[in-house]
Amino acid sequence: SELNQKNDYTQTYTPGDFESMDQSVQKIVSSLGVKPAPLAHESPEKDNLMANEQKPQLKDAAVLIADNFKVVRYFAKLFKFYNAQGISFLGNQEWRSKDLVEPWDSFLSSSFFVDYIGRYSDLPSGFKLGQKLDSYLVTNESAASVDTQLIGWRVATIVRSILKKKSLRKDNITDYMMALFSKGTEKDKVPIFYPDKTLKWKVYGFGLHSKEILML
């Protein structure tokens, strides 16, 4: 797996290998000019002064973590340990879990992730959701089932469109699929496929707040 900084600086780590994860974080914070947190002194006022002097300005720094929520929480602890205050994390659908925000870690407050599912209440009719936690979350077990159902639904929608064209020849099916557009007004319609024949999916952004995951 990889950690990617906003400036495309990439660090590779081995999931579950805490030493390689730690080394990756050290290299990233070093590249950002982050200094280690100061050691304890006799005077608390002096400790606070030194901490403020060494606190880096990382508001524009972001790290992509395309891994599950457990790994994200572990990386948050590492970046916090190495004094990388203010850094943001970006993620994918693997982040989507109540366990990402409970218990709440304020270090994640400026982070967000994207997923190809928005509100679970907006899914096509007939989907089996299992246990729904709120508008944006279902249990981890149910999420995997919904993902599979959604892929099947998208494929079935395209197949139904093809079957309606009774005069369509087999050697023209690919060209027909590439010409398909999403439903909606003429202004909102977009091709369903990219030129390289990969399927387009809508994506939704989610922010992290105290014990909540909210769509942006």
Protein backbone atom coordinates (compact mmCIF):
# COMPACT_ATOMS: atom_id res chain seq x y z
CA SER A 1 0.00 0.00 0.00
CA GLU A 2 1.03 3.60 -0.45
CA LEU A 3 0.88 6.98 1.24
CA ASN A 4 0.70 9.86 -1.23
CA GLN A 5 1.38 13.46 -0.34
CA LYS A 6 -0.35 16.30 -2.12
CA ASN A 7 2.82 16.97 -4.13
CA ASP A 8 2.83 13.34 -5.39
CA TYR A 9 5.58 12.25 -3.02
CA THR A 10 4.83 8.56 -2.41
CA GLN A 11 5.80 6.26 0.44
CA THR A 12 5.15 2.52 0.23
CA TYR A 13 4.31 0.56 3.37
CA THR A 14 3.33 -3.01 4.19
CA PRO A 15 -0.14 -3.25 5.80
CA GLY A 16 0.17 -4.78 9.25
CA ASP A 17 3.92 -4.13 9.37
CA PHE A 18 4.05 -1.38 11.98
CA GLU A 19 7.74 -0.72 11.43
CA SER A 20 7.31 0.00 7.72
CA MET A 21 4.28 2.22 8.47
CA ASP A 22 6.28 4.12 11.07
CA GLN A 23 9.20 4.62 8.68
CA SER A 24 6.88 5.90 5.97
CA VAL A 25 5.42 8.51 8.30
CA GLN A 26 8.87 9.60 9.50
CA LYS A 27 9.99 10.19 5.90
CA ILE A 28 6.88 12.21 5.09
CA VAL A 29 7.03 14.45 8.17
CA SER A 30 10.74 14.97 7.55
CA SER A 31 10.05 16.06 3.96
CA LEU A 32 7.53 18.57 5.34
CA GLY A 33 10.11 20.07 7.69
CA VAL A 34 8.40 18.85 10.85
CA LYS A 35 10.60 18.85 13.94
CA PRO A 36 10.13 16.34 16.77
CA ALA A 37 8.06 17.43 19.75
CA PRO A 38 10.24 18.87 22.55
CA LEU A 39 11.25 16.75 25.54
CA ALA A 40 9.83 17.58 28.96
CA HIS A 41 11.44 20.40 30.94
CA GLU A 42 11.06 21.65 34.47
CA SER A 43 8.94 24.60 33.39
CA PRO A 44 5.51 23.89 31.75
CA GLU A 45 5.56 27.44 30.35
CA LYS A 46 8.86 26.72 28.60
CA ASP A 47 7.47 23.44 27.21
CA ASN A 48 4.44 25.25 25.75
CA LEU A 49 6.62 27.99 24.27
CA MET A 50 8.94 25.48 22.58
CA ALA A 51 5.98 23.44 21.31
CA ASN A 52 4.44 26.53 19.71
CA GLU A 53 7.77 27.51 18.14
CA GLN A 54 8.24 24.07 16.61
CA LYS A 55 4.62 23.51 15.51
CA PRO A 56 4.72 23.44 11.68
CA GLN A 57 2.18 25.16 9.45
CA LEU A 58 0.67 22.16 7.63
CA LYS A 59 -2.73 23.56 6.63
CA ASP A 60 -1.92 22.97 2.94
CA ALA A 61 -0.37 19.52 3.48
CA ALA A 62 -2.45 16.45 2.69
CA VAL A 63 -1.74 12.73 2.63
CA LEU A 64 -3.80 10.19 0.67
CA ILE A 65 -4.40 6.95 2.60
CA ALA A 66 -6.24 4.48 0.35
CA ASP A 67 -6.71 1.88 3.07
CA ASN A 68 -9.27 0.80 5.66
CA PHE A 69 -10.38 2.82 8.69
CA LYS A 70 -8.23 0.80 11.13
CA VAL A 71 -5.08 1.73 9.21
CA VAL A 72 -6.22 5.36 9.01
CA ARG A 73 -6.60 5.58 12.78
CA TYR A 74 -3.17 4.05 13.28
CA PHE A 75 -1.57 6.52 10.87
CA ALA A 76 -3.33 9.37 12.69
CA LYS A 77 -1.61 8.28 15.91
CA LEU A 78 1.76 8.16 14.14
CA PHE A 79 1.44 11.62 12.56
CA LYS A 80 0.29 13.01 15.90
CA PHE A 81 3.27 11.39 17.65
CA TYR A 82 5.64 12.99 15.13
CA ASN A 83 4.14 16.43 15.73
CA ALA A 84 2.48 16.82 12.29
CA GLN A 85 -0.33 18.99 13.63
CA GLY A 86 -2.77 20.42 11.07
CA ILE A 87 -2.13 17.85 8.34
CA SER A 88 -5.14 16.54 6.40
CA PHE A 89 -5.84 12.99 5.29
CA LEU A 90 -7.70 12.04 2.11
CA GLY A 91 -9.28 8.63 1.62
CA ASN A 92 -11.53 6.33 -0.37
CA GLN A 93 -14.62 4.18 0.31
CA GLU A 94 -12.65 1.93 2.68
CA TRP A 95 -12.86 4.69 5.30
CA ARG A 96 -16.65 4.49 5.51
CA SER A 97 -17.27 3.04 8.96
CA LYS A 98 -18.66 4.26 12.27
CA ASP A 99 -15.44 2.99 13.84
CA LEU A 100 -13.54 5.74 12.00
CA VAL A 101 -15.14 8.41 14.19
CA GLU A 102 -15.88 6.46 17.39
CA PRO A 103 -14.09 7.12 19.61
CA TRP A 104 -13.52 10.56 18.11
CA ASP A 105 -9.98 11.69 17.33
CA SER A 106 -9.85 15.45 16.68
CA PHE A 107 -6.65 14.90 14.66
CA LEU A 108 -8.94 13.70 11.81
CA SER A 109 -11.17 16.79 11.86
CA SER A 110 -9.76 18.30 8.64
CA SER A 111 -9.81 15.01 6.71
CA PHE A 112 -12.29 13.69 4.17
CA PHE A 113 -12.88 10.76 1.83
CA VAL A 114 -14.84 9.97 -1.33
CA ASP A 115 -17.22 7.12 -2.08
CA TYR A 116 -19.49 6.17 -4.98
CA ILE A 117 -22.51 5.88 -2.68
CA GLY A 118 -24.11 9.01 -1.22
CA ARG A 119 -27.07 8.52 1.11
CA TYR A 120 -28.12 4.92 1.56
CA SER A 121 -31.72 6.14 1.54
CA ASP A 122 -31.23 7.23 -2.11
CA LEU A 123 -30.31 3.78 -3.42
CA PRO A 124 -32.57 2.14 -6.04
CA SER A 125 -35.63 0.36 -4.65
CA GLY A 126 -35.23 -3.29 -3.79
CA PHE A 127 -31.76 -3.02 -2.25
CA LYS A 128 -31.24 -5.04 0.92
CA LEU A 129 -29.48 -2.72 3.33
CA GLY A 130 -29.21 -4.91 6.39
CA GLN A 131 -28.65 -2.86 9.55
CA LYS A 132 -28.76 0.86 8.77
CA LEU A 133 -26.98 3.13 11.26
CA ASP A 134 -27.97 6.47 9.71
CA SER A 135 -28.42 8.09 6.28
CA TYR A 136 -24.74 7.63 5.43
CA LEU A 137 -23.75 4.46 7.28
CA VAL A 138 -24.68 0.81 7.46
CA THR A 139 -22.78 -1.91 9.29
CA ASN A 140 -19.47 -3.02 7.78
CA GLU A 141 -21.01 -6.36 6.79
CA SER A 142 -23.96 -4.67 5.07
CA ALA A 143 -21.70 -2.24 3.19
CA ALA A 144 -19.98 -5.06 1.29
CA SER A 145 -23.39 -6.47 0.29
CA VAL A 146 -24.60 -3.06 -0.93
CA ASP A 147 -21.45 -2.57 -3.01
CA THR A 148 -22.04 -5.89 -4.76
CA GLN A 149 -25.71 -5.11 -5.33
CA LEU A 150 -24.89 -1.71 -6.78
CA ILE A 151 -22.42 -3.16 -9.28
CA GLY A 152 -25.03 -5.71 -10.35
CA TRP A 153 -27.68 -3.02 -10.66
CA ARG A 154 -25.48 -0.85 -12.88
CA VAL A 155 -24.67 -3.78 -15.16
CA ALA A 156 -28.34 -4.86 -15.31
CA THR A 157 -29.40 -1.31 -16.25
CA ILE A 158 -27.01 -1.32 -19.21
CA VAL A 159 -28.05 -4.83 -20.29
CA ARG A 160 -31.75 -3.89 -20.20
CA SER A 161 -31.01 -0.92 -22.43
CA ILE A 162 -29.24 -3.21 -24.91
CA LEU A 163 -32.07 -5.77 -24.90
CA LYS A 164 -34.57 -3.07 -25.79
CA LYS A 165 -32.71 -2.54 -29.08
CA LYS A 166 -34.03 -5.63 -30.83
CA SER A 167 -32.42 -4.68 -34.13
CA LEU A 168 -28.97 -4.27 -32.57
CA ARG A 169 -26.32 -6.57 -34.03
CA LYS A 170 -23.73 -8.24 -31.79
CA ASP A 171 -20.82 -6.51 -33.49
CA ASN A 172 -22.42 -3.11 -32.73
CA ILE A 173 -23.06 -3.66 -29.01
CA THR A 174 -19.81 -2.00 -27.88
CA ASP A 175 -20.43 1.09 -30.03
CA TYR A 176 -23.99 1.31 -28.71
CA MET A 177 -22.81 1.07 -25.08
CA MET A 178 -20.22 3.80 -25.64
CA ALA A 179 -23.00 6.08 -26.91
CA LEU A 180 -25.21 5.61 -23.83
CA PHE A 181 -25.89 8.63 -21.63
CA SER A 182 -27.05 8.89 -18.04
CA LYS A 183 -30.68 9.72 -17.30
CA GLY A 184 -31.66 13.30 -16.61
CA THR A 185 -32.25 16.52 -18.48
CA GLU A 186 -30.38 17.16 -21.70
CA LYS A 187 -28.13 19.58 -19.83
CA ASP A 188 -27.28 17.04 -17.09
CA LYS A 189 -26.75 13.98 -19.28
CA VAL A 190 -23.20 12.64 -19.48
CA PRO A 191 -21.75 9.56 -21.22
CA ILE A 192 -21.91 6.40 -19.09
CA PHE A 193 -18.49 5.21 -20.29
CA TYR A 194 -15.11 6.89 -20.59
CA PRO A 195 -13.35 6.68 -23.99
CA ASP A 196 -11.20 3.80 -22.65
CA LYS A 197 -14.46 1.83 -22.05
CA THR A 198 -14.33 2.07 -18.24
CA LEU A 199 -17.63 2.78 -16.50
CA LYS A 200 -18.26 6.20 -14.98
CA TRP A 201 -19.45 6.39 -11.37
CA LYS A 202 -20.70 9.36 -9.42
CA VAL A 203 -18.57 10.15 -6.39
CA TYR A 204 -19.51 11.87 -3.15
CA GLY A 205 -17.30 13.66 -0.66
CA PHE A 206 -17.57 13.06 3.10
CA GLY A 207 -16.17 15.07 5.98
CA LEU A 208 -15.39 13.86 9.49
CA HIS A 209 -16.91 15.57 12.48
CA SER A 210 -17.25 14.65 16.14
CA LYS A 211 -18.60 11.07 16.01
CA GLU A 212 -20.20 11.77 12.62
CA ILE A 213 -19.52 11.21 8.93
CA LEU A 214 -21.39 13.80 6.85
CA MET A 215 -21.69 14.28 3.11
CA LEU A 216 -20.07 17.50 1.92
